[in-house]
């Protein structure tokens, strides 16, 4: 952390233009639909990445995207009540395992699937 502030240093909460962003989107017919995410505290946020490689590293190579300026992304998210913009997020949950999980019932009387009794 720098001990000295200079006139040209932005404050951490200031909105500084991020430039053109790669924004996660999904197909929506003839249009693309903006994907919104949640922060670790649960607040809704729009997300943009500065490079397609960063987007792929975080969301996977199959993630589709559109190219938008920061102001255009904010304008699209604002009517949805989303005011927060996260650029290049790196903390994500691990991928979900695709292998089925096998659960064996405990070795005690009454264990196993529930059955309906009349």
N, C-alpha and C. Protein backbone atom coordinates (compact mmCIF):
# COMPACT_ATOMS: atom_id res chain seq x y z
N UNK A 1 0.85 -1.18 0.00
CA UNK A 1 0.00 0.00 0.00
C UNK A 1 0.88 1.23 0.00
N UNK A 2 0.54 2.19 -0.82
CA UNK A 2 1.31 3.42 -0.92
C UNK A 2 0.90 4.37 0.20
N UNK A 3 1.88 4.97 0.82
CA UNK A 3 1.59 5.91 1.91
C UNK A 3 1.23 7.29 1.39
N UNK A 4 1.56 7.59 0.15
CA UNK A 4 1.33 8.91 -0.38
C UNK A 4 0.31 8.86 -1.50
N UNK A 5 -0.63 9.79 -1.49
CA UNK A 5 -1.61 9.91 -2.56
C UNK A 5 -1.23 11.08 -3.44
N UNK A 6 -1.34 10.88 -4.73
CA UNK A 6 -1.05 11.93 -5.68
C UNK A 6 -2.36 12.32 -6.36
N UNK A 7 -2.38 13.50 -6.97
CA UNK A 7 -3.60 14.01 -7.59
C UNK A 7 -4.15 13.08 -8.68
N UNK A 8 -3.28 12.36 -9.39
CA UNK A 8 -3.75 11.52 -10.48
C UNK A 8 -4.05 10.08 -10.06
N UNK A 9 -3.88 9.75 -8.78
CA UNK A 9 -4.18 8.40 -8.30
C UNK A 9 -5.66 8.26 -8.02
N UNK A 10 -6.33 7.29 -8.64
CA UNK A 10 -7.75 7.12 -8.35
C UNK A 10 -7.94 6.45 -6.99
N UNK A 11 -9.02 6.78 -6.36
CA UNK A 11 -9.39 6.10 -5.12
C UNK A 11 -9.90 4.72 -5.49
N UNK A 12 -9.81 3.74 -4.59
CA UNK A 12 -10.25 2.39 -4.94
C UNK A 12 -11.71 2.29 -5.37
N UNK A 13 -12.58 3.13 -4.84
CA UNK A 13 -14.00 3.06 -5.17
C UNK A 13 -14.38 3.90 -6.38
N UNK A 14 -13.43 4.65 -6.94
CA UNK A 14 -13.74 5.47 -8.10
C UNK A 14 -13.94 4.59 -9.32
N UNK A 15 -14.85 4.99 -10.18
CA UNK A 15 -15.06 4.29 -11.43
C UNK A 15 -14.04 4.79 -12.44
N UNK A 16 -13.13 3.91 -12.82
CA UNK A 16 -12.10 4.24 -13.79
C UNK A 16 -12.41 3.45 -15.05
N UNK A 17 -12.42 4.08 -16.22
CA UNK A 17 -12.73 3.33 -17.44
C UNK A 17 -11.81 2.12 -17.61
N UNK A 18 -12.41 0.97 -17.87
CA UNK A 18 -11.65 -0.26 -18.01
C UNK A 18 -11.31 -0.54 -19.46
N UNK A 19 -11.87 0.20 -20.40
CA UNK A 19 -11.64 -0.08 -21.82
C UNK A 19 -12.58 -1.15 -22.32
N UNK A 20 -12.39 -1.59 -23.57
CA UNK A 20 -13.25 -2.64 -24.12
C UNK A 20 -13.10 -3.94 -23.32
N UNK A 21 -14.22 -4.58 -23.05
CA UNK A 21 -14.22 -5.79 -22.22
C UNK A 21 -14.82 -6.97 -22.97
N UNK A 22 -14.40 -8.16 -22.59
CA UNK A 22 -15.00 -9.40 -23.06
C UNK A 22 -16.02 -9.80 -21.99
N UNK A 23 -17.29 -9.74 -22.35
CA UNK A 23 -18.37 -9.91 -21.39
C UNK A 23 -19.07 -11.25 -21.60
N UNK A 24 -19.15 -12.08 -20.55
CA UNK A 24 -19.83 -13.37 -20.68
C UNK A 24 -21.29 -13.17 -21.08
N UNK A 25 -21.72 -13.92 -22.08
CA UNK A 25 -23.09 -13.82 -22.57
C UNK A 25 -23.53 -15.22 -22.99
N UNK A 26 -24.83 -15.36 -23.16
CA UNK A 26 -25.36 -16.62 -23.68
C UNK A 26 -26.29 -16.29 -24.83
N UNK A 27 -26.43 -17.21 -25.77
CA UNK A 27 -27.30 -16.93 -26.91
C UNK A 27 -28.75 -16.79 -26.46
N UNK A 28 -29.44 -15.85 -27.05
CA UNK A 28 -30.85 -15.63 -26.74
C UNK A 28 -31.63 -15.39 -28.01
N UNK A 29 -31.70 -16.39 -28.87
CA UNK A 29 -32.37 -16.20 -30.15
C UNK A 29 -31.46 -15.43 -31.09
N UNK A 30 -31.94 -14.30 -31.59
CA UNK A 30 -31.14 -13.47 -32.48
C UNK A 30 -30.22 -12.53 -31.72
N UNK A 31 -30.36 -12.48 -30.40
CA UNK A 31 -29.59 -11.56 -29.58
C UNK A 31 -28.77 -12.32 -28.56
N UNK A 32 -27.82 -11.64 -27.97
CA UNK A 32 -27.05 -12.22 -26.87
C UNK A 32 -27.63 -11.72 -25.55
N UNK A 33 -27.59 -12.56 -24.54
CA UNK A 33 -28.13 -12.21 -23.22
C UNK A 33 -26.97 -12.08 -22.25
N UNK A 34 -26.90 -10.98 -21.58
CA UNK A 34 -25.84 -10.69 -20.61
C UNK A 34 -25.93 -11.64 -19.42
N UNK A 35 -24.81 -12.23 -19.03
CA UNK A 35 -24.77 -13.07 -17.83
C UNK A 35 -24.37 -12.21 -16.64
N UNK A 36 -25.12 -12.32 -15.57
CA UNK A 36 -24.80 -11.62 -14.33
C UNK A 36 -24.34 -12.64 -13.31
N UNK A 37 -23.54 -12.20 -12.37
CA UNK A 37 -22.97 -13.08 -11.37
C UNK A 37 -23.22 -12.50 -9.98
N UNK A 38 -22.78 -13.20 -8.96
CA UNK A 38 -22.86 -12.71 -7.58
C UNK A 38 -21.47 -12.68 -6.97
N UNK A 39 -21.25 -11.68 -6.15
CA UNK A 39 -19.99 -11.59 -5.42
C UNK A 39 -20.02 -12.60 -4.29
N UNK A 40 -18.89 -12.86 -3.62
CA UNK A 40 -18.91 -13.79 -2.49
C UNK A 40 -19.89 -13.38 -1.38
N UNK A 41 -20.22 -12.10 -1.32
CA UNK A 41 -21.18 -11.63 -0.31
C UNK A 41 -22.62 -11.64 -0.83
N UNK A 42 -22.82 -12.08 -2.07
CA UNK A 42 -24.17 -12.23 -2.61
C UNK A 42 -24.69 -11.07 -3.41
N UNK A 43 -23.92 -10.02 -3.60
CA UNK A 43 -24.38 -8.87 -4.37
C UNK A 43 -24.26 -9.17 -5.86
N UNK A 44 -25.27 -8.79 -6.63
CA UNK A 44 -25.25 -9.01 -8.07
C UNK A 44 -24.24 -8.09 -8.73
N UNK A 45 -23.51 -8.64 -9.71
CA UNK A 45 -22.49 -7.86 -10.40
C UNK A 45 -22.43 -8.24 -11.87
N UNK A 46 -22.14 -7.25 -12.69
CA UNK A 46 -21.81 -7.52 -14.09
C UNK A 46 -20.31 -7.83 -14.12
N UNK A 47 -19.89 -8.66 -15.05
CA UNK A 47 -18.50 -9.09 -15.10
C UNK A 47 -17.95 -8.85 -16.49
N UNK A 48 -16.72 -8.35 -16.55
CA UNK A 48 -16.02 -8.17 -17.81
C UNK A 48 -14.57 -8.60 -17.65
N UNK A 49 -13.98 -9.04 -18.74
CA UNK A 49 -12.59 -9.48 -18.73
C UNK A 49 -11.80 -8.66 -19.73
N UNK A 50 -10.54 -8.40 -19.43
CA UNK A 50 -9.71 -7.59 -20.31
C UNK A 50 -9.14 -8.39 -21.48
N UNK A 51 -9.10 -9.72 -21.37
CA UNK A 51 -8.62 -10.57 -22.47
C UNK A 51 -9.51 -11.81 -22.57
N UNK A 52 -9.64 -12.39 -23.75
CA UNK A 52 -10.42 -13.62 -23.86
C UNK A 52 -9.76 -14.78 -23.11
N UNK A 53 -8.45 -14.75 -22.96
CA UNK A 53 -7.75 -15.80 -22.22
C UNK A 53 -8.14 -15.78 -20.74
N UNK A 54 -8.27 -14.61 -20.16
CA UNK A 54 -8.70 -14.51 -18.76
C UNK A 54 -10.12 -15.01 -18.59
N UNK A 55 -10.99 -14.68 -19.55
CA UNK A 55 -12.36 -15.17 -19.51
C UNK A 55 -12.39 -16.69 -19.57
N UNK A 56 -11.63 -17.28 -20.48
CA UNK A 56 -11.59 -18.74 -20.62
C UNK A 56 -11.00 -19.41 -19.39
N UNK A 57 -9.97 -18.80 -18.81
CA UNK A 57 -9.35 -19.38 -17.62
C UNK A 57 -10.31 -19.40 -16.44
N UNK A 58 -11.20 -18.42 -16.36
CA UNK A 58 -12.12 -18.34 -15.24
C UNK A 58 -13.41 -19.10 -15.49
N UNK A 59 -13.99 -18.97 -16.69
CA UNK A 59 -15.31 -19.54 -16.95
C UNK A 59 -15.30 -20.73 -17.90
N UNK A 60 -14.15 -21.08 -18.44
CA UNK A 60 -14.06 -22.22 -19.33
C UNK A 60 -14.02 -21.80 -20.79
N UNK A 61 -13.43 -22.65 -21.61
CA UNK A 61 -13.24 -22.34 -23.03
C UNK A 61 -14.56 -22.29 -23.79
N UNK A 62 -15.60 -22.95 -23.30
CA UNK A 62 -16.88 -22.99 -24.01
C UNK A 62 -17.74 -21.75 -23.74
N UNK A 63 -17.31 -20.88 -22.84
CA UNK A 63 -18.11 -19.69 -22.51
C UNK A 63 -18.15 -18.73 -23.68
N UNK A 64 -19.33 -18.37 -24.13
CA UNK A 64 -19.48 -17.39 -25.20
C UNK A 64 -19.39 -15.99 -24.61
N UNK A 65 -19.01 -15.02 -25.43
CA UNK A 65 -18.84 -13.66 -24.94
C UNK A 65 -19.18 -12.66 -26.04
N UNK A 66 -19.39 -11.44 -25.59
CA UNK A 66 -19.56 -10.31 -26.51
C UNK A 66 -18.57 -9.23 -26.09
N UNK A 67 -18.24 -8.37 -27.01
CA UNK A 67 -17.28 -7.30 -26.73
C UNK A 67 -18.07 -6.03 -26.47
N UNK A 68 -17.89 -5.44 -25.28
CA UNK A 68 -18.61 -4.22 -24.90
C UNK A 68 -17.66 -3.24 -24.21
N UNK A 69 -17.96 -1.98 -24.32
CA UNK A 69 -17.23 -1.00 -23.53
C UNK A 69 -17.78 -1.04 -22.10
N UNK A 70 -17.02 -0.49 -21.19
CA UNK A 70 -17.47 -0.47 -19.80
C UNK A 70 -18.78 0.30 -19.67
N UNK A 71 -18.89 1.43 -20.35
CA UNK A 71 -20.12 2.23 -20.25
C UNK A 71 -21.32 1.48 -20.82
N UNK A 72 -21.13 0.73 -21.91
CA UNK A 72 -22.24 -0.05 -22.48
C UNK A 72 -22.65 -1.17 -21.53
N UNK A 73 -21.68 -1.82 -20.89
CA UNK A 73 -22.00 -2.87 -19.93
C UNK A 73 -22.77 -2.32 -18.74
N UNK A 74 -22.33 -1.17 -18.23
CA UNK A 74 -23.05 -0.54 -17.12
C UNK A 74 -24.47 -0.14 -17.54
N UNK A 75 -24.62 0.36 -18.76
CA UNK A 75 -25.94 0.77 -19.26
C UNK A 75 -26.88 -0.43 -19.40
N UNK A 76 -26.36 -1.59 -19.79
CA UNK A 76 -27.20 -2.78 -19.91
C UNK A 76 -27.58 -3.35 -18.55
N UNK A 77 -26.68 -3.25 -17.58
CA UNK A 77 -26.93 -3.83 -16.26
C UNK A 77 -27.77 -2.92 -15.37
N UNK A 78 -27.72 -1.62 -15.58
CA UNK A 78 -28.42 -0.67 -14.70
C UNK A 78 -29.93 -0.89 -14.61
N UNK A 79 -30.65 -1.13 -15.73
CA UNK A 79 -32.10 -1.35 -15.62
C UNK A 79 -32.45 -2.60 -14.82
N UNK A 80 -31.50 -3.51 -14.65
CA UNK A 80 -31.73 -4.72 -13.88
C UNK A 80 -31.38 -4.52 -12.40
N UNK A 81 -31.00 -3.30 -12.05
CA UNK A 81 -30.65 -2.99 -10.66
C UNK A 81 -29.23 -3.37 -10.29
N UNK A 82 -28.40 -3.64 -11.29
CA UNK A 82 -27.01 -4.03 -11.03
C UNK A 82 -26.12 -2.82 -11.27
N UNK A 83 -25.46 -2.35 -10.23
CA UNK A 83 -24.58 -1.19 -10.34
C UNK A 83 -23.11 -1.55 -10.18
N UNK A 84 -22.84 -2.75 -9.70
CA UNK A 84 -21.47 -3.17 -9.47
C UNK A 84 -20.89 -3.82 -10.73
N UNK A 85 -19.65 -3.48 -11.07
CA UNK A 85 -18.95 -4.07 -12.20
C UNK A 85 -17.66 -4.67 -11.69
N UNK A 86 -17.44 -5.95 -11.97
CA UNK A 86 -16.22 -6.63 -11.57
C UNK A 86 -15.41 -6.93 -12.82
N UNK A 87 -14.16 -6.48 -12.84
CA UNK A 87 -13.28 -6.68 -13.98
C UNK A 87 -12.23 -7.73 -13.61
N UNK A 88 -12.07 -8.72 -14.47
CA UNK A 88 -11.11 -9.80 -14.29
C UNK A 88 -11.21 -10.50 -12.94
N UNK A 89 -12.38 -11.03 -12.59
CA UNK A 89 -12.45 -11.78 -11.33
C UNK A 89 -11.62 -13.05 -11.45
N UNK A 90 -11.00 -13.45 -10.36
CA UNK A 90 -10.16 -14.64 -10.42
C UNK A 90 -10.60 -15.72 -9.44
N UNK A 91 -11.38 -15.36 -8.45
CA UNK A 91 -11.83 -16.35 -7.48
C UNK A 91 -13.13 -16.97 -7.96
N UNK A 92 -13.10 -18.27 -8.20
CA UNK A 92 -14.29 -18.98 -8.65
C UNK A 92 -14.40 -20.28 -7.89
N UNK A 93 -15.56 -20.85 -7.92
CA UNK A 93 -15.76 -22.16 -7.31
C UNK A 93 -15.14 -23.23 -8.21
N UNK A 94 -14.71 -24.35 -7.63
CA UNK A 94 -14.17 -25.41 -8.47
C UNK A 94 -15.26 -25.98 -9.37
N UNK A 95 -14.89 -26.56 -10.51
CA UNK A 95 -15.90 -27.13 -11.39
C UNK A 95 -16.67 -28.26 -10.71
N UNK A 96 -17.92 -28.39 -11.08
CA UNK A 96 -18.77 -29.43 -10.52
C UNK A 96 -18.36 -30.76 -11.11
N UNK A 97 -18.25 -31.78 -10.27
CA UNK A 97 -17.90 -33.12 -10.74
C UNK A 97 -19.04 -33.67 -11.59
N UNK A 98 -18.71 -34.29 -12.71
CA UNK A 98 -19.74 -34.83 -13.58
C UNK A 98 -20.01 -36.31 -13.30
N UNK A 99 -19.13 -36.94 -12.56
CA UNK A 99 -19.34 -38.36 -12.24
C UNK A 99 -20.45 -38.49 -11.20
N UNK A 100 -21.35 -39.48 -11.36
CA UNK A 100 -22.43 -39.62 -10.38
C UNK A 100 -21.88 -40.05 -9.02
N UNK A 101 -22.52 -39.58 -8.00
CA UNK A 101 -22.13 -39.93 -6.64
C UNK A 101 -22.98 -41.12 -6.20
N UNK A 102 -22.35 -42.17 -5.70
CA UNK A 102 -23.05 -43.35 -5.24
C UNK A 102 -23.16 -43.30 -3.73
N UNK A 103 -24.38 -43.40 -3.24
CA UNK A 103 -24.62 -43.38 -1.80
C UNK A 103 -25.14 -44.75 -1.40
N UNK A 104 -24.49 -45.36 -0.44
CA UNK A 104 -24.95 -46.66 0.05
C UNK A 104 -25.66 -46.47 1.37
N UNK A 105 -26.78 -47.15 1.58
CA UNK A 105 -27.50 -46.99 2.84
C UNK A 105 -26.68 -47.56 4.00
N UNK A 106 -26.88 -46.98 5.16
CA UNK A 106 -26.18 -47.44 6.35
C UNK A 106 -26.67 -48.84 6.73
N UNK A 107 -25.82 -49.60 7.36
CA UNK A 107 -26.17 -50.97 7.75
C UNK A 107 -26.92 -50.96 9.07
N UNK A 108 -28.16 -50.54 9.01
CA UNK A 108 -29.03 -50.54 10.20
C UNK A 108 -30.46 -50.75 9.75
N UNK A 109 -31.29 -51.27 10.61
CA UNK A 109 -32.68 -51.51 10.22
C UNK A 109 -33.37 -50.22 9.83
N UNK A 110 -34.15 -50.27 8.77
CA UNK A 110 -34.93 -49.11 8.34
C UNK A 110 -34.18 -48.19 7.39
N UNK A 111 -32.92 -48.43 7.17
CA UNK A 111 -32.15 -47.57 6.28
C UNK A 111 -32.46 -47.94 4.84
N UNK A 112 -32.33 -47.01 3.95
CA UNK A 112 -32.58 -47.25 2.53
C UNK A 112 -33.62 -46.29 2.01
N UNK A 113 -34.15 -46.56 0.83
CA UNK A 113 -35.14 -45.65 0.25
C UNK A 113 -36.41 -45.63 1.06
N UNK A 114 -37.05 -44.48 1.06
CA UNK A 114 -38.32 -44.35 1.76
C UNK A 114 -39.42 -45.05 0.97
N UNK A 115 -40.31 -45.71 1.66
CA UNK A 115 -41.44 -46.33 0.97
C UNK A 115 -42.72 -45.80 1.60
N UNK A 116 -43.75 -45.76 0.81
CA UNK A 116 -45.03 -45.22 1.28
C UNK A 116 -45.85 -46.36 1.87
N UNK A 117 -46.29 -46.17 3.09
CA UNK A 117 -47.14 -47.17 3.72
C UNK A 117 -48.54 -46.64 3.86
N UNK A 118 -49.50 -47.51 3.69
CA UNK A 118 -50.89 -47.07 3.75
C UNK A 118 -51.45 -47.23 5.13
